[in-house]
C-alpha atoms as a PDB file:
ATOM      1  CA  MET A   1     -56.657  11.046   4.475  1.00  0.00           C
ATOM      2  CA  ASN A   2     -54.595   8.108   3.264  1.00  0.00           C
ATOM      3  CA  GLU A   3     -51.397   9.486   4.903  1.00  0.00           C
ATOM      4  CA  ILE A   4     -49.871   7.792   7.879  1.00  0.00           C
ATOM      5  CA  PRO A   5     -48.720  10.245  10.482  1.00  0.00           C
ATOM      6  CA  ASN A   6     -44.926  10.713  10.610  1.00  0.00           C
ATOM      7  CA  ASN A   7     -44.432   9.073  13.956  1.00  0.00           C
ATOM      8  CA  GLN A   8     -46.518   5.932  12.828  1.00  0.00           C
ATOM      9  CA  ALA A   9     -44.389   5.656   9.643  1.00  0.00           C
ATOM     10  CA  GLN A  10     -41.312   5.910  11.695  1.00  0.00           C
ATOM     11  CA  GLN A  11     -42.372   3.220  14.077  1.00  0.00           C
ATOM     12  CA  ILE A  12     -43.337   0.923  11.240  1.00  0.00           C
ATOM     13  CA  TRP A  13     -39.886   1.440   9.662  1.00  0.00           C
ATOM     14  CA  GLN A  14     -38.093   0.884  12.874  1.00  0.00           C
ATOM     15  CA  HIS A  15     -39.938  -2.221  13.755  1.00  0.00           C
ATOM     16  CA  GLN A  16     -39.708  -4.004  10.320  1.00  0.00           C
ATOM     17  CA  PRO A  17     -37.746  -7.234  10.340  1.00  0.00           C
ATOM     18  CA  VAL A  18     -33.992  -6.850   9.780  1.00  0.00           C
ATOM     19  CA  GLU A  19     -32.273  -9.143   7.319  1.00  0.00           C
ATOM     20  CA  GLY A  20     -29.266 -11.092   8.696  1.00  0.00           C
ATOM     21  CA  ILE A  21     -25.951 -11.149   6.999  1.00  0.00           C
ATOM     22  CA  LYS A  22     -26.162 -12.645   3.528  1.00  0.00           C
ATOM     23  CA  MET A  23     -22.731 -14.278   3.608  1.00  0.00           C
ATOM     24  CA  SER A  24     -21.900 -17.438   5.603  1.00  0.00           C
ATOM     25  CA  ALA A  25     -19.291 -17.527   8.251  1.00  0.00           C
ATOM     26  CA  GLU A  26     -17.333 -20.018   6.100  1.00  0.00           C
ATOM     27  CA  GLU A  27     -17.527 -17.723   3.065  1.00  0.00           C
ATOM     28  CA  ILE A  28     -16.186 -14.795   5.210  1.00  0.00           C
ATOM     29  CA  ARG A  29     -13.403 -16.976   6.541  1.00  0.00           C
ATOM     30  CA  ARG A  30     -12.487 -18.275   3.046  1.00  0.00           C
ATOM     31  CA  ARG A  31     -12.360 -14.746   1.589  1.00  0.00           C
ATOM     32  CA  ALA A  32     -10.408 -13.345   4.593  1.00  0.00           C
ATOM     33  CA  GLY A  33      -7.852 -16.228   4.354  1.00  0.00           C
ATOM     34  CA  LYS A  34      -7.389 -15.576   0.602  1.00  0.00           C
ATOM     35  CA  PHE A  35      -6.939 -11.927   1.327  1.00  0.00           C
ATOM     36  CA  GLU A  36      -4.480 -12.576   4.196  1.00  0.00           C
ATOM     37  CA  SER A  37      -2.471 -14.815   1.754  1.00  0.00           C
ATOM     38  CA  ARG A  38      -2.288 -12.146  -0.845  1.00  0.00           C
ATOM     39  CA  ILE A  39      -1.140  -9.498   1.584  1.00  0.00           C
ATOM     40  CA  ARG A  40       1.519 -11.817   3.128  1.00  0.00           C
ATOM     41  CA  TRP A  41       2.809 -12.656  -0.377  1.00  0.00           C
ATOM     42  CA  ARG A  42       2.904  -8.889  -1.208  1.00  0.00           C
ATOM     43  CA  ASN A  43       4.784  -8.089   2.053  1.00  0.00           C
ATOM     44  CA  ARG A  44       7.281 -10.856   1.423  1.00  0.00           C
ATOM     45  CA  ARG A  45       7.908  -9.717  -2.134  1.00  0.00           C
ATOM     46  CA  GLU A  46       8.300  -6.163  -1.056  1.00  0.00           C
ATOM     47  CA  SER A  47      10.518  -7.091   1.920  1.00  0.00           C
ATOM     48  CA  VAL A  48      12.809  -9.205  -0.237  1.00  0.00           C
ATOM     49  CA  GLY A  49      12.937  -6.239  -2.819  1.00  0.00           C
ATOM     50  CA  CYS A  50      13.990  -3.861  -0.023  1.00  0.00           C
ATOM     51  CA  LEU A  51      16.691  -6.358   1.155  1.00  0.00           C
ATOM     52  CA  LEU A  52      18.065  -6.925  -2.292  1.00  0.00           C
ATOM     53  CA  THR A  53      17.990  -3.160  -3.083  1.00  0.00           C
ATOM     54  CA  SER A  54      19.625  -2.349   0.203  1.00  0.00           C
ATOM     55  CA  GLY A  55      22.330  -4.901  -0.432  1.00  0.00           C
ATOM     56  CA  LEU A  56      22.988  -3.622  -3.910  1.00  0.00           C
ATOM     57  CA  PHE A  57      23.170  -0.029  -2.760  1.00  0.00           C
ATOM     58  CA  ALA A  58      25.395  -1.046   0.158  1.00  0.00           C
ATOM     59  CA  TYR A  59      27.679  -2.687  -2.243  1.00  0.00           C
ATOM     60  CA  PHE A  60      27.843   0.386  -4.417  1.00  0.00           C
ATOM     61  CA  LEU A  61      28.347   2.576  -1.247  1.00  0.00           C
ATOM     62  CA  PHE A  62      31.529   0.651  -0.330  1.00  0.00           C
ATOM     63  CA  ASP A  63      32.650   0.205  -3.872  1.00  0.00           C
ATOM     64  CA  THR A  64      32.843   3.868  -4.889  1.00  0.00           C
ATOM     65  CA  GLN A  65      35.201   6.590  -3.765  1.00  0.00           C
ATOM     66  CA  ASN A  66      32.985   9.464  -4.883  1.00  0.00           C
ATOM     67  CA  VAL A  67      31.579  11.171  -1.965  1.00  0.00           C
ATOM     68  CA  LEU A  68      28.382  12.326  -3.736  1.00  0.00           C
ATOM     69  CA  PHE A  69      27.682   8.737  -4.949  1.00  0.00           C
ATOM     70  CA  ARG A  70      28.352   7.394  -1.493  1.00  0.00           C
ATOM     71  CA  ILE A  71      25.897   9.838   0.007  1.00  0.00           C
ATOM     72  CA  ALA A  72      23.254   8.916  -2.567  1.00  0.00           C
ATOM     73  CA  TYR A  73      23.709   5.152  -2.003  1.00  0.00           C
ATOM     74  CA  GLY A  74      23.554   5.700   1.810  1.00  0.00           C
ATOM     75  CA  MET A  75      20.284   7.540   1.346  1.00  0.00           C
ATOM     76  CA  PHE A  76      18.936   4.705  -0.656  1.00  0.00           C
ATOM     77  CA  VAL A  77      19.919   2.092   1.992  1.00  0.00           C
ATOM     78  CA  ALA A  78      18.229   4.312   4.669  1.00  0.00           C
ATOM     79  CA  ALA A  79      15.085   4.704   2.513  1.00  0.00           C
ATOM     80  CA  MET A  80      14.796   0.943   1.964  1.00  0.00           C
ATOM     81  CA  ILE A  81      15.157   0.285   5.710  1.00  0.00           C
ATOM     82  CA  TRP A  82      12.448   2.945   6.329  1.00  0.00           C
ATOM     83  CA  ILE A  83      10.124   1.439   3.683  1.00  0.00           C
ATOM     84  CA  ALA A  84      10.517  -2.163   5.106  1.00  0.00           C
ATOM     85  CA  ILE A  85       9.705  -0.930   8.715  1.00  0.00           C
ATOM     86  CA  GLN A  86       6.651   1.129   7.344  1.00  0.00           C
ATOM     87  CA  LEU A  87       5.460  -1.845   5.323  1.00  0.00           C
ATOM     88  CA  HIS A  88       5.609  -4.057   8.435  1.00  0.00           C
ATOM     89  CA  ARG A  89       3.929  -1.339  10.539  1.00  0.00           C
ATOM     90  CA  LYS A  90       1.258  -0.256   8.207  1.00  0.00           C
ATOM     91  CA  GLY A  91       0.814  -3.238   5.918  1.00  0.00           C
ATOM     92  CA  SER A  92       0.969  -6.288   8.119  1.00  0.00           C
ATOM     93  CA  VAL A  93      -2.039  -8.333   7.887  1.00  0.00           C
ATOM     94  CA  LYS A  94      -4.002  -9.489  10.903  1.00  0.00           C
ATOM     95  CA  THR A  95      -5.567 -13.004  10.876  1.00  0.00           C
ATOM     96  CA  LEU A  96      -9.318 -13.400  11.346  1.00  0.00           C
ATOM     97  CA  PRO A  97      -9.832 -14.939  14.787  1.00  0.00           C
ATOM     98  CA  ALA A  98     -11.643 -18.255  14.891  1.00  0.00           C
ATOM     99  CA  GLY A  99     -15.037 -18.683  16.421  1.00  0.00           C
ATOM    100  CA  LEU A 100     -16.347 -15.098  15.709  1.00  0.00           C
ATOM    101  CA  GLU A 101     -20.008 -14.553  14.934  1.00  0.00           C
ATOM    102  CA  PRO A 102     -20.519 -13.881  11.140  1.00  0.00           C
ATOM    103  CA  SER A 103     -21.280 -10.169  11.764  1.00  0.00           C
ATOM    104  CA  THR A 104     -18.065  -9.686  13.928  1.00  0.00           C
ATOM    105  CA  SER A 105     -16.117 -11.683  11.265  1.00  0.00           C
ATOM    106  CA  LEU A 106     -17.457  -9.416   8.562  1.00  0.00           C
ATOM    107  CA  GLN A 107     -16.547  -6.291  10.474  1.00  0.00           C
ATOM    108  CA  PHE A 108     -13.085  -7.536  11.288  1.00  0.00           C
ATOM    109  CA  PHE A 109     -12.562  -8.463   7.558  1.00  0.00           C
ATOM    110  CA  ARG A 110     -13.916  -5.059   6.444  1.00  0.00           C
ATOM    111  CA  GLY A 111     -11.584  -3.302   8.950  1.00  0.00           C
ATOM    112  CA  GLU A 112      -8.579  -5.087   7.505  1.00  0.00           C
ATOM    113  CA  LEU A 113      -9.579  -4.300   3.943  1.00  0.00           C
ATOM    114  CA  GLU A 114      -9.993  -0.594   5.027  1.00  0.00           C
ATOM    115  CA  ARG A 115      -6.534  -0.609   6.649  1.00  0.00           C
ATOM    116  CA  GLN A 116      -4.857  -2.137   3.601  1.00  0.00           C
ATOM    117  CA  ARG A 117      -6.738   0.274   1.321  1.00  0.00           C
ATOM    118  CA  ASP A 118      -5.540   3.287   3.292  1.00  0.00           C
ATOM    119  CA  THR A 119      -1.966   1.917   3.253  1.00  0.00           C
ATOM    120  CA  VAL A 120      -1.779   1.551  -0.539  1.00  0.00           C
ATOM    121  CA  LYS A 121      -3.887   4.643  -1.155  1.00  0.00           C
ATOM    122  CA  ASN A 122      -1.347   6.799   0.845  1.00  0.00           C
ATOM    123  CA  VAL A 123       1.785   5.279  -0.722  1.00  0.00           C
ATOM    124  CA  TRP A 124       3.633   8.604  -1.334  1.00  0.00           C
ATOM    125  CA  PRO A 125       4.613   9.512   2.151  1.00  0.00           C
ATOM    126  CA  TRP A 126       5.850   6.181   3.374  1.00  0.00           C
ATOM    127  CA  TYR A 127       7.030   4.353   0.204  1.00  0.00           C
ATOM    128  CA  LEU A 128       7.826   6.763  -2.557  1.00  0.00           C
ATOM    129  CA  ALA A 129       8.924  10.011  -0.794  1.00  0.00           C
ATOM    130  CA  PRO A 130      11.778   8.316   1.178  1.00  0.00           C
ATOM    131  CA  MET A 131      13.506   7.483  -2.155  1.00  0.00           C
ATOM    132  CA  VAL A 132      13.379  10.982  -3.480  1.00  0.00           C
ATOM    133  CA  PRO A 133      16.325  12.406  -1.601  1.00  0.00           C
ATOM    134  CA  GLY A 134      18.571   9.496  -2.817  1.00  0.00           C
ATOM    135  CA  TYR A 135      17.395  10.025  -6.447  1.00  0.00           C
ATOM    136  CA  LEU A 136      17.962  13.740  -6.182  1.00  0.00           C
ATOM    137  CA  MET A 137      21.524  13.157  -4.762  1.00  0.00           C
ATOM    138  CA  LEU A 138      22.207  10.463  -7.466  1.00  0.00           C
ATOM    139  CA  THR A 139      21.114  12.926 -10.059  1.00  0.00           C
ATOM    140  CA  ILE A 140      23.472  15.631  -8.705  1.00  0.00           C
ATOM    141  CA  ALA A 141      26.295  13.121  -8.409  1.00  0.00           C
ATOM    142  CA  TYR A 142      25.919  12.086 -12.061  1.00  0.00           C
ATOM    143  CA  ALA A 143      25.545  15.668 -13.207  1.00  0.00           C
ATOM    144  CA  VAL A 144      28.772  16.704 -11.464  1.00  0.00           C
ATOM    145  CA  SER A 145      30.796  13.531 -12.186  1.00  0.00           C
ATOM    146  CA  PHE A 146      30.487  13.045 -15.943  1.00  0.00           C
ATOM    147  CA  PRO A 147      31.392  15.051 -19.042  1.00  0.00           C
ATOM    148  CA  ARG A 148      28.785  17.654 -20.218  1.00  0.00           C
ATOM    149  CA  PRO A 149      27.178  15.795 -23.263  1.00  0.00           C
ATOM    150  CA  VAL A 150      26.885  12.525 -21.393  1.00  0.00           C
ATOM    151  CA  ARG A 151      25.843  14.315 -18.251  1.00  0.00           C
ATOM    152  CA  TRP A 152      22.654  15.943 -19.736  1.00  0.00           C
ATOM    153  CA  ILE A 153      21.532  12.944 -21.826  1.00  0.00           C
ATOM    154  CA  GLY A 154      22.236  10.439 -19.146  1.00  0.00           C
ATOM    155  CA  VAL A 155      20.827  12.465 -16.264  1.00  0.00           C
ATOM    156  CA  GLY A 156      17.734  13.442 -18.264  1.00  0.00           C
ATOM    157  CA  ALA A 157      17.110   9.805 -19.358  1.00  0.00           C
ATOM    158  CA  PHE A 158      17.504   8.615 -15.803  1.00  0.00           C
ATOM    159  CA  ASP A 159      15.327  11.209 -14.256  1.00  0.00           C
ATOM    160  CA  LEU A 160      12.658  10.407 -16.856  1.00  0.00           C
ATOM    161  CA  PHE A 161      12.879   6.810 -16.046  1.00  0.00           C
ATOM    162  CA  VAL A 162      12.535   7.458 -12.244  1.00  0.00           C
ATOM    163  CA  VAL A 163       9.606   9.864 -12.709  1.00  0.00           C
ATOM    164  CA  LEU A 164       7.809   7.221 -14.964  1.00  0.00           C
ATOM    165  CA  LEU A 165       8.665   4.446 -12.360  1.00  0.00           C
ATOM    166  CA  PHE A 166       7.193   6.557  -9.547  1.00  0.00           C
ATOM    167  CA  ILE A 167       4.088   7.346 -11.513  1.00  0.00           C
ATOM    168  CA  GLY A 168       3.613   3.662 -12.433  1.00  0.00           C
ATOM    169  CA  VAL A 169       4.004   2.598  -8.796  1.00  0.00           C
ATOM    170  CA  TRP A 170       1.545   5.240  -7.672  1.00  0.00           C
ATOM    171  CA  LYS A 171      -0.946   4.277 -10.342  1.00  0.00           C
ATOM    172  CA  MET A 172      -0.748   0.611  -9.364  1.00  0.00           C
ATOM    173  CA  ASN A 173      -1.378   1.404  -5.800  1.00  0.00           C
ATOM    174  CA  VAL A 174      -4.314   3.807  -6.558  1.00  0.00           C
ATOM    175  CA  ARG A 175      -5.769   0.861  -8.671  1.00  0.00           C
ATOM    176  CA  ALA A 176      -5.257  -1.589  -5.799  1.00  0.00           C
ATOM    177  CA  ALA A 177      -7.030   0.884  -3.394  1.00  0.00           C
ATOM    178  CA  ARG A 178      -9.966   1.137  -5.883  1.00  0.00           C
ATOM    179  CA  CYS A 179     -10.131  -2.678  -5.964  1.00  0.00           C
ATOM    180  CA  LEU A 180     -10.048  -2.923  -2.154  1.00  0.00           C
ATOM    181  CA  GLN A 181     -12.805  -0.206  -1.994  1.00  0.00           C
ATOM    182  CA  ARG A 182     -15.011  -2.310  -4.391  1.00  0.00           C
ATOM    183  CA  THR A 183     -14.588  -5.242  -2.098  1.00  0.00           C
ATOM    184  CA  ILE A 184     -15.460  -3.153   0.994  1.00  0.00           C
ATOM    185  CA  ASP A 185     -18.582  -1.938  -0.797  1.00  0.00           C
ATOM    186  CA  GLU A 186     -19.471  -5.505  -1.640  1.00  0.00           C
ATOM    187  CA  LEU A 187     -19.126  -6.453   2.032  1.00  0.00           C
ATOM    188  CA  ASN A 188     -21.177  -3.434   3.092  1.00  0.00           C
ATOM    189  CA  ALA A 189     -23.975  -4.635   0.908  1.00  0.00           C
ATOM    190  CA  GLN A 190     -23.849  -7.966   2.898  1.00  0.00           C
ATOM    191  CA  MET A 191     -24.615  -6.240   6.136  1.00  0.00           C
END
């Protein structure tokens, strides 16, 4: 007897007052600006790293006479160029346009967070994988070019270092993606 029919309950639920966004437009703009600065700094740092690494491998490329090493260094230069292009394509930050409504600003900011999350979450195909052929060729070049005892110890140590470096970079990016997801979840709670 005390039950409300389903359609009445649905009408009550659909007509209840909706809360607005709990975050002010200024707060959204401040947080978006801080985020944009961090991403710009990351992109500058990574671009400078690609430039310096490319320069170093280009120097090695022209300094050595060994064909296998030249191929490896050329592959690294190509990988660094690819990474820089992909970073610009996937990881460039878009500035929050002025004069947007708070809800639109929040949606824009959340979209940027999601795009950056997806970029760092999927770091293998565009950031790490392009370096693998160069590392493999460098491993082959070292294994072929040096005496047997030095070859296995050096190559093994080098490969272990590279594997640990790749795992470290991947883990840092997974952590960054989780942090971005937490921020996205926090913004979703504001809507």
